[in-house]
Amino acid sequence: MGTVTIGVSIAVPEPHGSLLQERRAGFGDAAAHCIPTHVTLLPPTEVDEAELPAIEAHLAEVAAGSRPFPMCLSGTGTFRPLSPVVYVRVVQGAEECARLQQRVRDASGPVARELQFPYHPHVTVAHGIEEAAMDRAFAELADYDAQWPCTGFALYEQGADEVWRKLRDYTFRGAVVPTQAGHAGAERDTIASR
């Protein structure tokens, strides 16, 4: 057995996922159709293939210890000049995402790792493309808004063709999702928690 590259993320559901993927492709991001629209919990990580059963068991434990929560995306942000990325902001659900990713990467687990940058939940809509196209992505999605109940996450593997494919879904314990907060309230809550 060799190594595989995995990632863990929260999928952005339909119709939002396809819409943002098409917009990303439209901005000229060649990777758009290789990467399902998502919020990252574990960035691309190379692991020994033999470790996958332990990783899957760990992720099942993380999911079993988590509850559904409301997610809200609104507006755009950028990591430029530090990193050539434009993204849609997570304005509700960010704290829950931060807790989840910490549990996924826990030092006692099979995918413990440090991050290159501090964790900041987001949905990438442009990466590594021309500055003018990055500016266009930032401006054209500035009014974008989407909400959904987050009920789990998934494990993905990157193929030799660089396409990310889902290996397994992990559903949170409990089926009841708290009510979506109003858009303005969600943003206030996020800002207040910083």
N, C-alpha and C. Protein backbone atom coordinates (compact mmCIF):
# COMPACT_ATOMS: atom_id res chain seq x y z
N MET A 1 0.84 -1.19 0.00
CA MET A 1 0.00 0.00 0.00
C MET A 1 0.88 1.24 0.00
N GLY A 2 0.35 2.29 -0.66
CA GLY A 2 1.09 3.53 -0.73
C GLY A 2 0.43 4.62 0.09
N THR A 3 0.64 5.85 -0.34
CA THR A 3 0.03 6.97 0.34
C THR A 3 -1.12 7.53 -0.50
N VAL A 4 -2.05 8.20 0.16
CA VAL A 4 -3.16 8.86 -0.51
C VAL A 4 -3.30 10.26 0.07
N THR A 5 -3.88 11.15 -0.70
CA THR A 5 -4.14 12.50 -0.22
C THR A 5 -5.62 12.61 0.09
N ILE A 6 -5.90 12.96 1.33
CA ILE A 6 -7.29 13.07 1.78
C ILE A 6 -7.59 14.49 2.24
N GLY A 7 -8.87 14.78 2.38
CA GLY A 7 -9.34 16.02 2.95
C GLY A 7 -10.67 15.76 3.61
N VAL A 8 -11.04 16.59 4.57
CA VAL A 8 -12.34 16.48 5.23
C VAL A 8 -13.02 17.83 5.09
N SER A 9 -14.28 17.82 4.68
CA SER A 9 -14.97 19.09 4.48
C SER A 9 -16.47 18.96 4.63
N ILE A 10 -17.08 20.12 4.80
CA ILE A 10 -18.54 20.24 4.79
C ILE A 10 -18.94 20.63 3.38
N ALA A 11 -19.72 19.79 2.73
CA ALA A 11 -20.17 20.10 1.37
C ALA A 11 -21.19 21.23 1.39
N VAL A 12 -21.09 22.13 0.43
CA VAL A 12 -22.12 23.15 0.25
C VAL A 12 -23.20 22.49 -0.60
N PRO A 13 -24.42 22.35 -0.06
CA PRO A 13 -25.46 21.57 -0.75
C PRO A 13 -26.02 22.28 -1.99
N GLU A 14 -26.79 21.51 -2.76
CA GLU A 14 -27.45 22.06 -3.94
C GLU A 14 -28.64 22.93 -3.51
N PRO A 15 -28.96 23.96 -4.28
CA PRO A 15 -28.33 24.32 -5.56
C PRO A 15 -27.09 25.18 -5.39
N HIS A 16 -26.73 25.52 -4.17
CA HIS A 16 -25.63 26.45 -3.92
C HIS A 16 -24.28 25.91 -4.39
N GLY A 17 -24.03 24.61 -4.16
CA GLY A 17 -22.74 24.04 -4.52
C GLY A 17 -22.43 24.15 -6.00
N SER A 18 -23.38 23.74 -6.84
CA SER A 18 -23.17 23.81 -8.30
C SER A 18 -23.06 25.24 -8.79
N LEU A 19 -23.89 26.12 -8.22
CA LEU A 19 -23.86 27.52 -8.63
C LEU A 19 -22.47 28.12 -8.36
N LEU A 20 -21.94 27.92 -7.16
CA LEU A 20 -20.63 28.49 -6.84
C LEU A 20 -19.51 27.81 -7.64
N GLN A 21 -19.66 26.53 -7.92
CA GLN A 21 -18.66 25.83 -8.73
C GLN A 21 -18.64 26.40 -10.15
N GLU A 22 -19.83 26.64 -10.71
CA GLU A 22 -19.91 27.23 -12.05
C GLU A 22 -19.36 28.65 -12.08
N ARG A 23 -19.65 29.41 -11.04
CA ARG A 23 -19.11 30.77 -10.97
C ARG A 23 -17.58 30.72 -10.89
N ARG A 24 -17.05 29.81 -10.08
CA ARG A 24 -15.60 29.66 -9.95
C ARG A 24 -14.97 29.33 -11.30
N ALA A 25 -15.59 28.40 -12.03
CA ALA A 25 -15.10 28.06 -13.37
C ALA A 25 -15.18 29.28 -14.30
N GLY A 26 -16.26 30.04 -14.17
CA GLY A 26 -16.46 31.22 -15.01
C GLY A 26 -15.43 32.32 -14.77
N PHE A 27 -14.85 32.34 -13.60
CA PHE A 27 -13.80 33.32 -13.30
C PHE A 27 -12.45 32.87 -13.85
N GLY A 28 -12.40 31.64 -14.39
CA GLY A 28 -11.17 31.14 -15.01
C GLY A 28 -10.33 30.24 -14.11
N ASP A 29 -10.92 29.74 -13.03
CA ASP A 29 -10.19 28.86 -12.11
C ASP A 29 -10.27 27.44 -12.66
N ALA A 30 -9.16 26.96 -13.21
CA ALA A 30 -9.12 25.64 -13.87
C ALA A 30 -9.42 24.50 -12.91
N ALA A 31 -9.22 24.69 -11.62
CA ALA A 31 -9.46 23.62 -10.64
C ALA A 31 -10.92 23.50 -10.23
N ALA A 32 -11.77 24.41 -10.70
CA ALA A 32 -13.16 24.48 -10.24
C ALA A 32 -13.89 23.14 -10.32
N HIS A 33 -13.76 22.43 -11.43
CA HIS A 33 -14.52 21.20 -11.60
C HIS A 33 -13.83 19.98 -10.98
N CYS A 34 -12.67 20.19 -10.39
CA CYS A 34 -11.97 19.10 -9.69
C CYS A 34 -12.30 19.10 -8.20
N ILE A 35 -12.88 20.21 -7.72
CA ILE A 35 -13.06 20.40 -6.28
C ILE A 35 -14.52 20.69 -5.97
N PRO A 36 -15.23 19.78 -5.32
CA PRO A 36 -16.61 20.08 -4.92
C PRO A 36 -16.62 21.31 -4.00
N THR A 37 -17.67 22.12 -4.10
CA THR A 37 -17.78 23.33 -3.29
C THR A 37 -17.93 22.93 -1.82
N HIS A 38 -17.09 23.54 -0.96
CA HIS A 38 -17.00 23.05 0.41
C HIS A 38 -16.44 24.08 1.38
N VAL A 39 -16.57 23.76 2.66
CA VAL A 39 -15.87 24.44 3.75
C VAL A 39 -14.89 23.41 4.31
N THR A 40 -13.60 23.71 4.27
CA THR A 40 -12.57 22.76 4.70
C THR A 40 -12.56 22.56 6.21
N LEU A 41 -12.44 21.30 6.62
CA LEU A 41 -12.17 20.96 8.02
C LEU A 41 -10.76 20.39 8.18
N LEU A 42 -10.29 19.66 7.17
CA LEU A 42 -8.91 19.16 7.13
C LEU A 42 -8.39 19.40 5.73
N PRO A 43 -7.36 20.25 5.57
CA PRO A 43 -6.83 20.53 4.23
C PRO A 43 -6.16 19.29 3.64
N PRO A 44 -5.80 19.33 2.36
CA PRO A 44 -5.15 18.17 1.74
C PRO A 44 -4.01 17.65 2.62
N THR A 45 -4.10 16.36 2.94
CA THR A 45 -3.17 15.73 3.87
C THR A 45 -2.77 14.37 3.32
N GLU A 46 -1.47 14.13 3.19
CA GLU A 46 -1.00 12.83 2.69
C GLU A 46 -0.91 11.85 3.86
N VAL A 47 -1.54 10.69 3.68
CA VAL A 47 -1.55 9.67 4.73
C VAL A 47 -1.22 8.31 4.11
N ASP A 48 -0.79 7.40 4.95
CA ASP A 48 -0.57 6.03 4.54
C ASP A 48 -1.94 5.40 4.31
N GLU A 49 -2.12 4.75 3.18
CA GLU A 49 -3.41 4.13 2.85
C GLU A 49 -3.87 3.15 3.93
N ALA A 50 -2.93 2.51 4.58
CA ALA A 50 -3.26 1.55 5.64
C ALA A 50 -3.90 2.23 6.85
N GLU A 51 -3.74 3.56 6.96
CA GLU A 51 -4.31 4.31 8.08
C GLU A 51 -5.77 4.69 7.86
N LEU A 52 -6.29 4.49 6.65
CA LEU A 52 -7.66 4.93 6.34
C LEU A 52 -8.71 4.36 7.30
N PRO A 53 -8.68 3.06 7.66
CA PRO A 53 -9.69 2.56 8.61
C PRO A 53 -9.66 3.30 9.95
N ALA A 54 -8.48 3.61 10.46
CA ALA A 54 -8.37 4.34 11.73
C ALA A 54 -8.88 5.77 11.57
N ILE A 55 -8.58 6.37 10.43
CA ILE A 55 -9.05 7.73 10.16
C ILE A 55 -10.57 7.75 10.07
N GLU A 56 -11.14 6.76 9.38
CA GLU A 56 -12.60 6.69 9.24
C GLU A 56 -13.26 6.48 10.60
N ALA A 57 -12.67 5.66 11.45
CA ALA A 57 -13.22 5.44 12.79
C ALA A 57 -13.15 6.73 13.61
N HIS A 58 -12.05 7.45 13.51
CA HIS A 58 -11.88 8.73 14.21
C HIS A 58 -12.94 9.73 13.74
N LEU A 59 -13.15 9.83 12.44
CA LEU A 59 -14.13 10.78 11.91
C LEU A 59 -15.55 10.41 12.34
N ALA A 60 -15.83 9.10 12.40
CA ALA A 60 -17.15 8.65 12.86
C ALA A 60 -17.36 9.07 14.32
N GLU A 61 -16.31 9.00 15.12
CA GLU A 61 -16.39 9.41 16.52
C GLU A 61 -16.61 10.92 16.64
N VAL A 62 -15.91 11.69 15.80
CA VAL A 62 -16.09 13.16 15.80
C VAL A 62 -17.53 13.50 15.44
N ALA A 63 -18.05 12.85 14.39
CA ALA A 63 -19.43 13.13 13.96
C ALA A 63 -20.44 12.74 15.03
N ALA A 64 -20.22 11.59 15.68
CA ALA A 64 -21.15 11.12 16.71
C ALA A 64 -21.19 12.08 17.90
N GLY A 65 -20.10 12.80 18.12
CA GLY A 65 -20.05 13.74 19.23
C GLY A 65 -20.44 15.15 18.84
N SER A 66 -21.01 15.32 17.65
CA SER A 66 -21.38 16.65 17.15
C SER A 66 -22.87 16.72 16.88
N ARG A 67 -23.38 17.93 16.89
CA ARG A 67 -24.81 18.15 16.61
C ARG A 67 -24.97 19.05 15.39
N PRO A 68 -26.09 18.91 14.66
CA PRO A 68 -26.35 19.79 13.52
C PRO A 68 -26.36 21.26 13.95
N PHE A 69 -26.05 22.12 12.99
CA PHE A 69 -26.05 23.56 13.26
C PHE A 69 -26.37 24.32 11.98
N PRO A 70 -26.91 25.54 12.10
CA PRO A 70 -27.20 26.34 10.92
C PRO A 70 -25.93 26.92 10.30
N MET A 71 -25.88 26.91 8.98
CA MET A 71 -24.78 27.54 8.25
C MET A 71 -25.35 28.68 7.41
N CYS A 72 -24.61 29.77 7.34
CA CYS A 72 -25.01 30.89 6.49
C CYS A 72 -23.75 31.45 5.83
N LEU A 73 -23.81 31.58 4.51
CA LEU A 73 -22.76 32.22 3.73
C LEU A 73 -23.27 33.58 3.31
N SER A 74 -22.41 34.58 3.33
CA SER A 74 -22.82 35.90 2.89
C SER A 74 -21.61 36.76 2.56
N GLY A 75 -21.62 37.33 1.37
CA GLY A 75 -20.58 38.27 0.98
C GLY A 75 -19.25 37.60 0.69
N THR A 76 -18.26 38.42 0.34
CA THR A 76 -16.96 37.91 -0.05
C THR A 76 -15.85 38.44 0.85
N GLY A 77 -14.73 37.75 0.79
CA GLY A 77 -13.51 38.15 1.47
C GLY A 77 -12.33 37.67 0.65
N THR A 78 -11.13 38.02 1.08
CA THR A 78 -9.94 37.58 0.36
C THR A 78 -8.79 37.39 1.33
N PHE A 79 -7.88 36.49 0.96
CA PHE A 79 -6.66 36.29 1.73
C PHE A 79 -5.47 37.02 1.08
N ARG A 80 -5.74 37.73 -0.02
CA ARG A 80 -4.66 38.47 -0.67
C ARG A 80 -4.17 39.58 0.25
N PRO A 81 -2.92 39.93 0.25
CA PRO A 81 -1.82 39.43 -0.59
C PRO A 81 -1.13 38.17 -0.04
N LEU A 82 -1.53 37.72 1.16
CA LEU A 82 -0.88 36.56 1.77
C LEU A 82 -1.07 35.29 0.93
N SER A 83 -2.27 35.10 0.39
CA SER A 83 -2.59 33.92 -0.41
C SER A 83 -3.57 34.35 -1.50
N PRO A 84 -3.39 33.88 -2.75
CA PRO A 84 -4.23 34.33 -3.86
C PRO A 84 -5.60 33.66 -3.88
N VAL A 85 -6.44 34.04 -2.91
CA VAL A 85 -7.76 33.41 -2.75
C VAL A 85 -8.83 34.47 -2.54
N VAL A 86 -9.96 34.30 -3.23
CA VAL A 86 -11.19 35.05 -2.95
C VAL A 86 -12.20 34.01 -2.50
N TYR A 87 -12.98 34.36 -1.47
CA TYR A 87 -13.91 33.38 -0.91
C TYR A 87 -15.23 34.04 -0.54
N VAL A 88 -16.23 33.17 -0.35
CA VAL A 88 -17.51 33.58 0.21
C VAL A 88 -17.39 33.34 1.72
N ARG A 89 -17.84 34.32 2.51
CA ARG A 89 -17.67 34.28 3.96
C ARG A 89 -18.70 33.36 4.63
N VAL A 90 -18.27 32.68 5.67
CA VAL A 90 -19.16 31.93 6.55
C VAL A 90 -19.52 32.88 7.69
N VAL A 91 -20.78 33.35 7.72
CA VAL A 91 -21.19 34.32 8.74
C VAL A 91 -21.98 33.69 9.88
N GLN A 92 -22.43 32.47 9.68
CA GLN A 92 -23.03 31.70 10.76
C GLN A 92 -22.56 30.26 10.62
N GLY A 93 -22.13 29.67 11.73
CA GLY A 93 -21.59 28.31 11.71
C GLY A 93 -20.07 28.29 11.79
N ALA A 94 -19.44 29.47 11.79
CA ALA A 94 -17.97 29.52 11.80
C ALA A 94 -17.39 28.92 13.09
N GLU A 95 -17.99 29.22 14.21
CA GLU A 95 -17.48 28.69 15.49
C GLU A 95 -17.60 27.17 15.52
N GLU A 96 -18.72 26.65 15.02
CA GLU A 96 -18.92 25.20 14.98
C GLU A 96 -17.89 24.55 14.05
N CYS A 97 -17.63 25.19 12.90
CA CYS A 97 -16.62 24.66 11.97
C CYS A 97 -15.24 24.64 12.64
N ALA A 98 -14.92 25.70 13.37
CA ALA A 98 -13.62 25.78 14.05
C ALA A 98 -13.47 24.66 15.08
N ARG A 99 -14.55 24.40 15.82
CA ARG A 99 -14.50 23.32 16.81
C ARG A 99 -14.34 21.96 16.12
N LEU A 100 -15.09 21.76 15.04
CA LEU A 100 -15.01 20.49 14.31
C LEU A 100 -13.61 20.23 13.77
N GLN A 101 -13.03 21.25 13.11
CA GLN A 101 -11.71 21.03 12.51
C GLN A 101 -10.67 20.75 13.58
N GLN A 102 -10.82 21.36 14.75
CA GLN A 102 -9.89 21.11 15.85
C GLN A 102 -10.00 19.66 16.32
N ARG A 103 -11.22 19.16 16.39
CA ARG A 103 -11.44 17.77 16.81
C ARG A 103 -10.92 16.78 15.75
N VAL A 104 -11.11 17.13 14.47
CA VAL A 104 -10.60 16.27 13.39
C VAL A 104 -9.08 16.17 13.48
N ARG A 105 -8.40 17.30 13.74
CA ARG A 105 -6.94 17.34 13.77
C ARG A 105 -6.34 17.11 15.16
N ASP A 106 -7.16 16.66 16.09
CA ASP A 106 -6.72 16.50 17.47
C ASP A 106 -5.39 15.73 17.56
N ALA A 107 -4.53 16.21 18.46
CA ALA A 107 -3.19 15.62 18.61
C ALA A 107 -3.23 14.13 18.94
N SER A 108 -4.31 13.66 19.54
CA SER A 108 -4.40 12.23 19.89
C SER A 108 -4.96 11.38 18.75
N GLY A 109 -5.37 12.03 17.66
CA GLY A 109 -6.00 11.30 16.55
C GLY A 109 -5.03 10.95 15.43
N PRO A 110 -5.53 10.23 14.41
CA PRO A 110 -4.68 9.75 13.33
C PRO A 110 -4.33 10.80 12.27
N VAL A 111 -4.95 11.97 12.31
CA VAL A 111 -4.61 13.01 11.33
C VAL A 111 -4.21 14.32 12.03
N ALA A 112 -3.47 14.18 13.11
CA ALA A 112 -2.96 15.36 13.82
C ALA A 112 -1.99 16.08 12.90
N ARG A 113 -2.19 17.39 12.75
CA ARG A 113 -1.27 18.17 11.92
C ARG A 113 -1.42 19.65 12.23
N GLU A 114 -0.35 20.37 11.96
CA GLU A 114 -0.38 21.83 12.08
C GLU A 114 -0.88 22.41 10.77
N LEU A 115 -1.45 23.60 10.84
CA LEU A 115 -1.93 24.28 9.65
C LEU A 115 -0.91 25.33 9.20
N GLN A 116 -0.86 25.57 7.90
CA GLN A 116 0.05 26.58 7.36
C GLN A 116 -0.40 27.98 7.77
N PHE A 117 -1.73 28.19 7.83
CA PHE A 117 -2.31 29.47 8.22
C PHE A 117 -3.33 29.21 9.32
N PRO A 118 -3.65 30.21 10.16
CA PRO A 118 -4.71 30.03 11.16
C PRO A 118 -6.03 29.64 10.47
N TYR A 119 -6.80 28.77 11.13
CA TYR A 119 -8.05 28.29 10.54
C TYR A 119 -9.05 29.43 10.38
N HIS A 120 -9.65 29.52 9.19
CA HIS A 120 -10.65 30.54 8.88
C HIS A 120 -11.67 29.90 7.93
N PRO A 121 -12.83 29.45 8.43
CA PRO A 121 -13.78 28.77 7.55
C PRO A 121 -14.26 29.70 6.44
N HIS A 122 -14.32 29.15 5.22
CA HIS A 122 -14.70 29.94 4.05
C HIS A 122 -15.02 28.97 2.91
N VAL A 123 -15.56 29.54 1.81
CA VAL A 123 -15.81 28.77 0.59
C VAL A 123 -15.04 29.44 -0.54
N THR A 124 -13.99 28.80 -1.02
CA THR A 124 -13.17 29.39 -2.08
C THR A 124 -13.95 29.50 -3.37
N VAL A 125 -13.87 30.68 -4.01
CA VAL A 125 -14.52 30.89 -5.30
C VAL A 125 -13.52 31.32 -6.38
N ALA A 126 -12.28 31.56 -5.99
CA ALA A 126 -11.21 31.88 -6.95
C ALA A 126 -9.89 31.63 -6.26
N HIS A 127 -8.98 30.94 -6.96
CA HIS A 127 -7.68 30.64 -6.37
C HIS A 127 -6.59 30.65 -7.43
N GLY A 128 -5.60 31.49 -7.25
CA GLY A 128 -4.43 31.48 -8.12
C GLY A 128 -4.69 31.89 -9.56
N ILE A 129 -5.68 32.76 -9.77
CA ILE A 129 -5.97 33.22 -11.14
C ILE A 129 -5.53 34.68 -11.27
N GLU A 130 -5.71 35.26 -12.45
CA GLU A 130 -5.30 36.64 -12.69
C GLU A 130 -5.98 37.59 -11.72
N GLU A 131 -5.26 38.64 -11.35
CA GLU A 131 -5.78 39.61 -10.38
C GLU A 131 -7.11 40.21 -10.81
N ALA A 132 -7.27 40.51 -12.10
CA ALA A 132 -8.52 41.11 -12.59
C ALA A 132 -9.68 40.15 -12.38
N ALA A 133 -9.45 38.86 -12.59
CA ALA A 133 -10.50 37.86 -12.39
C ALA A 133 -10.79 37.69 -10.90
N MET A 134 -9.76 37.80 -10.06
CA MET A 134 -9.97 37.74 -8.61
C MET A 134 -10.83 38.92 -8.18
N ASP A 135 -10.54 40.09 -8.70
CA ASP A 135 -11.32 41.29 -8.37
C ASP A 135 -12.78 41.11 -8.81
N ARG A 136 -12.96 40.51 -9.99
CA ARG A 136 -14.32 40.28 -10.50
C ARG A 136 -15.08 39.31 -9.59
N ALA A 137 -14.42 38.23 -9.15
CA ALA A 137 -15.06 37.27 -8.24
C ALA A 137 -15.46 37.96 -6.95
N PHE A 138 -14.57 38.78 -6.42
CA PHE A 138 -14.84 39.51 -5.17
C PHE A 138 -16.07 40.41 -5.32
N ALA A 139 -16.14 41.13 -6.44
CA ALA A 139 -17.24 42.08 -6.66
C ALA A 139 -18.55 41.39 -7.02
N GLU A 140 -18.50 40.39 -7.90
CA GLU A 140 -19.73 39.79 -8.41
C GLU A 140 -20.44 38.91 -7.38
N LEU A 141 -19.71 38.40 -6.39
CA LEU A 141 -20.35 37.57 -5.37
C LEU A 141 -20.53 38.30 -4.04
N ALA A 142 -20.30 39.61 -4.06
CA ALA A 142 -20.40 40.41 -2.83
C ALA A 142 -21.79 40.33 -2.20
N ASP A 143 -22.83 40.13 -3.01
CA ASP A 143 -24.20 40.05 -2.48
C ASP A 143 -24.68 38.62 -2.33
N TYR A 144 -23.79 37.65 -2.53
CA TYR A 144 -24.20 36.25 -2.46
C TYR A 144 -24.63 35.88 -1.04
N ASP A 145 -25.67 35.06 -0.95
CA ASP A 145 -26.20 34.65 0.35
C ASP A 145 -26.77 33.24 0.22
N ALA A 146 -26.46 32.36 1.16
CA ALA A 146 -27.01 31.01 1.17
C ALA A 146 -27.08 30.52 2.61
N GLN A 147 -28.14 29.75 2.90
CA GLN A 147 -28.30 29.17 4.23
C GLN A 147 -28.73 27.72 4.11
N TRP A 148 -28.29 26.90 5.04
CA TRP A 148 -28.72 25.51 5.07
C TRP A 148 -28.39 24.92 6.43
N PRO A 149 -29.06 23.84 6.80
CA PRO A 149 -28.71 23.15 8.05
C PRO A 149 -27.54 22.20 7.80
N CYS A 150 -26.46 22.38 8.53
CA CYS A 150 -25.30 21.49 8.40
C CYS A 150 -25.54 20.27 9.27
N THR A 151 -25.61 19.11 8.66
CA THR A 151 -25.91 17.88 9.40
C THR A 151 -24.77 16.86 9.36
N GLY A 152 -23.61 17.26 8.81
CA GLY A 152 -22.48 16.35 8.78
C GLY A 152 -21.36 16.86 7.90
N PHE A 153 -20.38 16.00 7.68
CA PHE A 153 -19.23 16.33 6.83
C PHE A 153 -18.84 15.07 6.07
N ALA A 154 -17.81 15.17 5.23
CA ALA A 154 -17.41 14.02 4.41
C ALA A 154 -15.90 13.92 4.31
N LEU A 155 -15.43 12.70 4.05
CA LEU A 155 -14.03 12.40 3.78
C LEU A 155 -13.86 12.30 2.28
N TYR A 156 -12.86 12.98 1.74
CA TYR A 156 -12.58 12.98 0.31
C TYR A 156 -11.17 12.48 0.05
N GLU A 157 -10.96 11.94 -1.15
CA GLU A 157 -9.63 11.54 -1.60
C GLU A 157 -9.35 12.20 -2.94
N GLN A 158 -8.13 12.70 -3.10
CA GLN A 158 -7.74 13.30 -4.38
C GLN A 158 -7.14 12.21 -5.25
N GLY A 159 -7.70 12.05 -6.45
CA GLY A 159 -7.21 11.05 -7.38
C GLY A 159 -5.96 11.51 -8.11
N ALA A 160 -5.35 10.59 -8.88
CA ALA A 160 -4.16 10.92 -9.67
C ALA A 160 -4.49 12.00 -10.70
N ASP A 161 -5.77 12.11 -11.07
CA ASP A 161 -6.21 13.14 -12.02
C ASP A 161 -6.50 14.48 -11.33
N GLU A 162 -6.18 14.57 -10.03
CA GLU A 162 -6.36 15.75 -9.19
C GLU A 162 -7.83 16.08 -8.88
N VAL A 163 -8.74 15.16 -9.21
CA VAL A 163 -10.15 15.34 -8.88
C VAL A 163 -10.40 14.79 -7.47
N TRP A 164 -11.14 15.57 -6.67
CA TRP A 164 -11.50 15.15 -5.32
C TRP A 164 -12.80 14.36 -5.36
N ARG A 165 -12.78 13.14 -4.80
CA ARG A 165 -13.96 12.27 -4.78
C ARG A 165 -14.32 11.90 -3.35
N LYS A 166 -15.62 11.89 -3.08
CA LYS A 166 -16.09 11.55 -1.74
C LYS A 166 -15.90 10.07 -1.47
N LEU A 167 -15.30 9.76 -0.29
CA LEU A 167 -15.15 8.38 0.15
C LEU A 167 -16.29 7.98 1.08
N ARG A 168 -16.69 8.91 1.95
CA ARG A 168 -17.71 8.57 2.94
C ARG A 168 -18.30 9.81 3.58
N ASP A 169 -19.61 9.74 3.85
CA ASP A 169 -20.31 10.80 4.59
C ASP A 169 -20.33 10.45 6.07
N TYR A 170 -20.31 11.48 6.92
CA TYR A 170 -20.43 11.32 8.37
C TYR A 170 -21.54 12.24 8.84
N THR A 171 -22.58 11.66 9.43
CA THR A 171 -23.74 12.42 9.87
C THR A 171 -23.66 12.69 11.36
N PHE A 172 -24.01 13.92 11.73
CA PHE A 172 -24.01 14.29 13.15
C PHE A 172 -25.10 13.57 13.91
N ARG A 173 -24.90 13.44 15.21
CA ARG A 173 -25.90 12.87 16.10
C ARG A 173 -27.07 13.86 16.20
N GLY A 174 -28.28 13.36 16.20
CA GLY A 174 -29.46 14.22 16.34
C GLY A 174 -29.90 14.78 15.00
N ALA A 175 -31.20 14.91 14.83
CA ALA A 175 -31.74 15.39 13.55
C ALA A 175 -32.26 16.81 13.62
N VAL A 176 -32.36 17.37 14.81
CA VAL A 176 -32.94 18.70 14.95
C VAL A 176 -31.85 19.75 14.79
N VAL A 177 -32.09 20.68 13.86
CA VAL A 177 -31.16 21.77 13.62
C VAL A 177 -31.73 23.03 14.23
N PRO A 178 -30.93 23.78 15.00
CA PRO A 178 -31.45 25.05 15.55
C PRO A 178 -31.93 25.96 14.43
N THR A 179 -32.88 26.81 14.75
CA THR A 179 -33.44 27.75 13.78
C THR A 179 -32.36 28.66 13.25
N GLN A 180 -32.44 28.96 11.94
CA GLN A 180 -31.51 29.91 11.33
C GLN A 180 -31.72 31.27 11.98
N ALA A 181 -30.65 31.89 12.39
CA ALA A 181 -30.74 33.27 12.89
C ALA A 181 -30.91 34.19 11.69
N GLY A 182 -31.47 35.35 11.94
CA GLY A 182 -31.59 36.33 10.86
C GLY A 182 -30.22 36.69 10.34
N HIS A 183 -30.14 37.07 9.09
CA HIS A 183 -28.86 37.35 8.44
C HIS A 183 -28.05 38.39 9.21
N ALA A 184 -28.66 39.51 9.56
CA ALA A 184 -27.94 40.56 10.27
C ALA A 184 -27.50 40.07 11.65
N GLY A 185 -28.36 39.32 12.31
CA GLY A 185 -28.03 38.79 13.63
C GLY A 185 -26.88 37.82 13.55
N ALA A 186 -26.86 36.99 12.49
CA ALA A 186 -25.79 36.02 12.33
C ALA A 186 -24.46 36.73 12.19
N GLU A 187 -24.44 37.82 11.41
CA GLU A 187 -23.19 38.53 11.22
C GLU A 187 -22.76 39.20 12.52
N ARG A 188 -23.69 39.76 13.26
CA ARG A 188 -23.36 40.38 14.55
C ARG A 188 -22.76 39.36 15.50
N ASP A 189 -23.40 38.16 15.55
CA ASP A 189 -22.90 37.11 16.43
C ASP A 189 -21.48 36.72 16.07
N THR A 190 -21.21 36.62 14.75
CA THR A 190 -19.88 36.24 14.31
C THR A 190 -18.86 37.30 14.69
N ILE A 191 -19.20 38.55 14.46
CA ILE A 191 -18.28 39.64 14.77
C ILE A 191 -18.05 39.71 16.27
N ALA A 192 -19.12 39.54 17.06
CA ALA A 192 -19.00 39.64 18.52
C ALA A 192 -18.11 38.54 19.08
N SER A 193 -18.03 37.40 18.39
CA SER A 193 -17.26 36.28 18.92
C SER A 193 -15.77 36.39 18.60
N ARG A 194 -15.37 37.38 17.84
CA ARG A 194 -13.96 37.50 17.46
C ARG A 194 -13.13 38.08 18.57
